[in-house]
Amino acid sequence: MEVFFLILHSVVILFVVIGFPVALITNHRWFRLIHAGVLVFISLLMILQIPCPLTVLEEAATGESYEGSFLATWLNRIIYMEWFTPQSVFIADMIFAALVFSSFWWWPLKKKGRGEGKITSEQ
């Protein structure tokens, strides 16, 4: 069960991290907005010091609890980085969030063209 939650957390983390360059390359409007929304949700959880819902579910399912955040705990377990604290995760998240949200200014969303998505007799 613990492996399931680790994979699920990893997928969310990969979406947030790898989704940023993918969003910039494709500049797909909804992908960028969903990506930014997920990042807002994660950042708000950190700012308000609310535990991640996935971590809460995992703790309920496995009976284990984490000292600090899920990410910091697993990164310590996987990489043995003793200095990696929940505060450093928070700082990294805020820097990444600033980068993602500034991208909306320096790489604006595509504007919808006239007739985009409509089927015409010329197609």
C-alpha atoms as a PDB file:
ATOM      1  CA  MET A   1       0.000   0.000   0.000  1.00  0.00           C
ATOM      2  CA  GLU A   2       2.863   2.349   0.827  1.00  0.00           C
ATOM      3  CA  VAL A   3       4.267   1.862  -2.683  1.00  0.00           C
ATOM      4  CA  PHE A   4       0.935   2.919  -4.215  1.00  0.00           C
ATOM      5  CA  PHE A   5       1.005   6.241  -2.348  1.00  0.00           C
ATOM      6  CA  LEU A   6       4.679   6.766  -3.192  1.00  0.00           C
ATOM      7  CA  ILE A   7       3.864   6.281  -6.887  1.00  0.00           C
ATOM      8  CA  LEU A   8       0.812   8.554  -6.642  1.00  0.00           C
ATOM      9  CA  HIS A   9       2.847  11.270  -4.903  1.00  0.00           C
ATOM     10  CA  SER A  10       5.589  10.841  -7.505  1.00  0.00           C
ATOM     11  CA  VAL A  11       3.106  11.284 -10.349  1.00  0.00           C
ATOM     12  CA  VAL A  12       1.807  14.524  -8.821  1.00  0.00           C
ATOM     13  CA  ILE A  13       5.362  15.784  -8.229  1.00  0.00           C
ATOM     14  CA  LEU A  14       6.406  14.880 -11.786  1.00  0.00           C
ATOM     15  CA  PHE A  15       3.318  16.623 -13.168  1.00  0.00           C
ATOM     16  CA  VAL A  16       4.217  19.790 -11.292  1.00  0.00           C
ATOM     17  CA  VAL A  17       7.936  19.749 -12.135  1.00  0.00           C
ATOM     18  CA  ILE A  18       7.956  18.316 -15.670  1.00  0.00           C
ATOM     19  CA  GLY A  19       4.611  19.901 -16.475  1.00  0.00           C
ATOM     20  CA  PHE A  20       6.198  23.347 -16.369  1.00  0.00           C
ATOM     21  CA  PRO A  21       8.505  22.942 -19.400  1.00  0.00           C
ATOM     22  CA  VAL A  22       5.820  20.911 -21.177  1.00  0.00           C
ATOM     23  CA  ALA A  23       3.336  23.727 -20.578  1.00  0.00           C
ATOM     24  CA  LEU A  24       5.770  26.285 -21.969  1.00  0.00           C
ATOM     25  CA  ILE A  25       6.602  24.205 -25.046  1.00  0.00           C
ATOM     26  CA  THR A  26       3.006  23.355 -25.923  1.00  0.00           C
ATOM     27  CA  ASN A  27       1.499  26.568 -24.514  1.00  0.00           C
ATOM     28  CA  HIS A  28      -1.790  24.689 -24.225  1.00  0.00           C
ATOM     29  CA  ARG A  29      -4.170  26.979 -22.368  1.00  0.00           C
ATOM     30  CA  TRP A  30      -5.967  24.398 -20.190  1.00  0.00           C
ATOM     31  CA  PHE A  31      -2.834  22.416 -19.395  1.00  0.00           C
ATOM     32  CA  ARG A  32      -1.093  25.574 -18.140  1.00  0.00           C
ATOM     33  CA  LEU A  33      -4.125  26.642 -16.093  1.00  0.00           C
ATOM     34  CA  ILE A  34      -4.543  23.179 -14.522  1.00  0.00           C
ATOM     35  CA  HIS A  35      -0.801  23.019 -13.816  1.00  0.00           C
ATOM     36  CA  ALA A  36      -0.915  26.441 -12.140  1.00  0.00           C
ATOM     37  CA  GLY A  37      -4.027  25.417 -10.177  1.00  0.00           C
ATOM     38  CA  VAL A  38      -2.336  22.295  -8.816  1.00  0.00           C
ATOM     39  CA  LEU A  39       0.662  24.400  -7.818  1.00  0.00           C
ATOM     40  CA  VAL A  40      -1.613  26.919  -6.056  1.00  0.00           C
ATOM     41  CA  PHE A  41      -3.283  24.059  -4.163  1.00  0.00           C
ATOM     42  CA  ILE A  42       0.057  22.592  -3.061  1.00  0.00           C
ATOM     43  CA  SER A  43       1.428  26.012  -2.110  1.00  0.00           C
ATOM     44  CA  LEU A  44      -1.676  26.862  -0.067  1.00  0.00           C
ATOM     45  CA  LEU A  45      -1.379  23.576   1.809  1.00  0.00           C
ATOM     46  CA  MET A  46       2.205  24.478   2.665  1.00  0.00           C
ATOM     47  CA  ILE A  47       1.461  28.097   3.601  1.00  0.00           C
ATOM     48  CA  LEU A  48      -1.499  27.130   5.780  1.00  0.00           C
ATOM     49  CA  GLN A  49       0.456  24.154   7.180  1.00  0.00           C
ATOM     50  CA  ILE A  50      -2.279  21.727   6.190  1.00  0.00           C
ATOM     51  CA  PRO A  51      -1.078  18.177   5.605  1.00  0.00           C
ATOM     52  CA  CYS A  52      -1.274  16.864   2.062  1.00  0.00           C
ATOM     53  CA  PRO A  53      -4.484  14.844   1.548  1.00  0.00           C
ATOM     54  CA  LEU A  54      -2.454  12.023  -0.023  1.00  0.00           C
ATOM     55  CA  THR A  55      -0.220  11.868   3.048  1.00  0.00           C
ATOM     56  CA  VAL A  56      -3.257  11.789   5.351  1.00  0.00           C
ATOM     57  CA  LEU A  57      -4.756   8.917   3.306  1.00  0.00           C
ATOM     58  CA  GLU A  58      -1.466   7.030   3.358  1.00  0.00           C
ATOM     59  CA  GLU A  59      -1.070   7.453   7.108  1.00  0.00           C
ATOM     60  CA  ALA A  60      -4.630   6.211   7.633  1.00  0.00           C
ATOM     61  CA  ALA A  61      -4.081   3.234   5.320  1.00  0.00           C
ATOM     62  CA  THR A  62      -0.663   2.176   6.650  1.00  0.00           C
ATOM     63  CA  GLY A  63      -0.902   3.282  10.268  1.00  0.00           C
ATOM     64  CA  GLU A  64       2.431   5.139   9.938  1.00  0.00           C
ATOM     65  CA  SER A  65       2.926   8.843  10.358  1.00  0.00           C
ATOM     66  CA  TYR A  66       5.600  11.171   9.018  1.00  0.00           C
ATOM     67  CA  GLU A  67       7.767  13.597  10.875  1.00  0.00           C
ATOM     68  CA  GLY A  68       7.491  16.727   8.709  1.00  0.00           C
ATOM     69  CA  SER A  69       6.271  16.521   5.135  1.00  0.00           C
ATOM     70  CA  PHE A  70       5.855  13.449   2.927  1.00  0.00           C
ATOM     71  CA  LEU A  71       8.293  14.808   0.368  1.00  0.00           C
ATOM     72  CA  ALA A  72      11.020  15.657   2.878  1.00  0.00           C
ATOM     73  CA  THR A  73      10.600  12.279   4.596  1.00  0.00           C
ATOM     74  CA  TRP A  74      10.833  10.272   1.386  1.00  0.00           C
ATOM     75  CA  LEU A  75      13.656  12.328  -0.059  1.00  0.00           C
ATOM     76  CA  ASN A  76      15.566  11.710   3.166  1.00  0.00           C
ATOM     77  CA  ARG A  77      14.840   8.001   2.895  1.00  0.00           C
ATOM     78  CA  ILE A  78      15.699   7.774  -0.806  1.00  0.00           C
ATOM     79  CA  ILE A  79      18.642  10.143  -1.091  1.00  0.00           C
ATOM     80  CA  TYR A  80      19.803  10.312   2.584  1.00  0.00           C
ATOM     81  CA  MET A  81      19.872  14.091   2.574  1.00  0.00           C
ATOM     82  CA  GLU A  82      19.772  14.962   6.259  1.00  0.00           C
ATOM     83  CA  TRP A  83      19.666  18.724   5.581  1.00  0.00           C
ATOM     84  CA  PHE A  84      16.473  18.474   3.497  1.00  0.00           C
ATOM     85  CA  THR A  85      13.856  19.835   5.877  1.00  0.00           C
ATOM     86  CA  PRO A  86      10.191  20.749   5.397  1.00  0.00           C
ATOM     87  CA  GLN A  87      11.310  24.397   5.399  1.00  0.00           C
ATOM     88  CA  SER A  88      13.662  23.798   2.461  1.00  0.00           C
ATOM     89  CA  VAL A  89      10.827  22.046   0.606  1.00  0.00           C
ATOM     90  CA  PHE A  90       8.640  25.096   1.272  1.00  0.00           C
ATOM     91  CA  ILE A  91      11.316  27.509   0.009  1.00  0.00           C
ATOM     92  CA  ALA A  92      11.866  25.421  -3.128  1.00  0.00           C
ATOM     93  CA  ASP A  93       8.096  25.333  -3.728  1.00  0.00           C
ATOM     94  CA  MET A  94       7.760  29.116  -3.384  1.00  0.00           C
ATOM     95  CA  ILE A  95      10.659  29.742  -5.784  1.00  0.00           C
ATOM     96  CA  PHE A  96       9.181  27.286  -8.286  1.00  0.00           C
ATOM     97  CA  ALA A  97       5.712  28.843  -7.896  1.00  0.00           C
ATOM     98  CA  ALA A  98       7.173  32.299  -8.586  1.00  0.00           C
ATOM     99  CA  LEU A  99       8.844  30.940 -11.716  1.00  0.00           C
ATOM    100  CA  VAL A 100       5.657  29.264 -12.964  1.00  0.00           C
ATOM    101  CA  PHE A 101       3.433  32.268 -12.312  1.00  0.00           C
ATOM    102  CA  SER A 102       5.932  34.712 -13.802  1.00  0.00           C
ATOM    103  CA  SER A 103       5.843  32.577 -16.955  1.00  0.00           C
ATOM    104  CA  PHE A 104       2.286  33.774 -17.562  1.00  0.00           C
ATOM    105  CA  TRP A 105       3.778  37.250 -17.942  1.00  0.00           C
ATOM    106  CA  TRP A 106       6.855  36.422 -20.061  1.00  0.00           C
ATOM    107  CA  TRP A 107       5.200  33.570 -22.032  1.00  0.00           C
ATOM    108  CA  PRO A 108       1.506  34.562 -22.324  1.00  0.00           C
ATOM    109  CA  LEU A 109      -1.226  32.027 -22.993  1.00  0.00           C
ATOM    110  CA  LYS A 110      -2.254  31.508 -26.593  1.00  0.00           C
ATOM    111  CA  LYS A 111      -5.263  33.588 -27.487  1.00  0.00           C
ATOM    112  CA  LYS A 112      -8.225  31.727 -28.907  1.00  0.00           C
ATOM    113  CA  GLY A 113      -8.595  32.562 -32.561  1.00  0.00           C
ATOM    114  CA  ARG A 114     -11.872  33.338 -34.259  1.00  0.00           C
ATOM    115  CA  GLY A 115     -13.698  30.172 -35.138  1.00  0.00           C
ATOM    116  CA  GLU A 116     -11.180  27.998 -33.276  1.00  0.00           C
ATOM    117  CA  GLY A 117     -12.686  24.621 -32.538  1.00  0.00           C
ATOM    118  CA  LYS A 118     -15.621  25.110 -34.892  1.00  0.00           C
ATOM    119  CA  ILE A 119     -16.163  22.858 -37.865  1.00  0.00           C
ATOM    120  CA  THR A 120     -16.810  24.692 -41.070  1.00  0.00           C
ATOM    121  CA  SER A 121     -17.630  23.501 -44.569  1.00  0.00           C
ATOM    122  CA  GLU A 122     -14.108  24.525 -45.667  1.00  0.00           C
ATOM    123  CA  GLN A 123     -12.498  21.912 -43.429  1.00  0.00           C
END
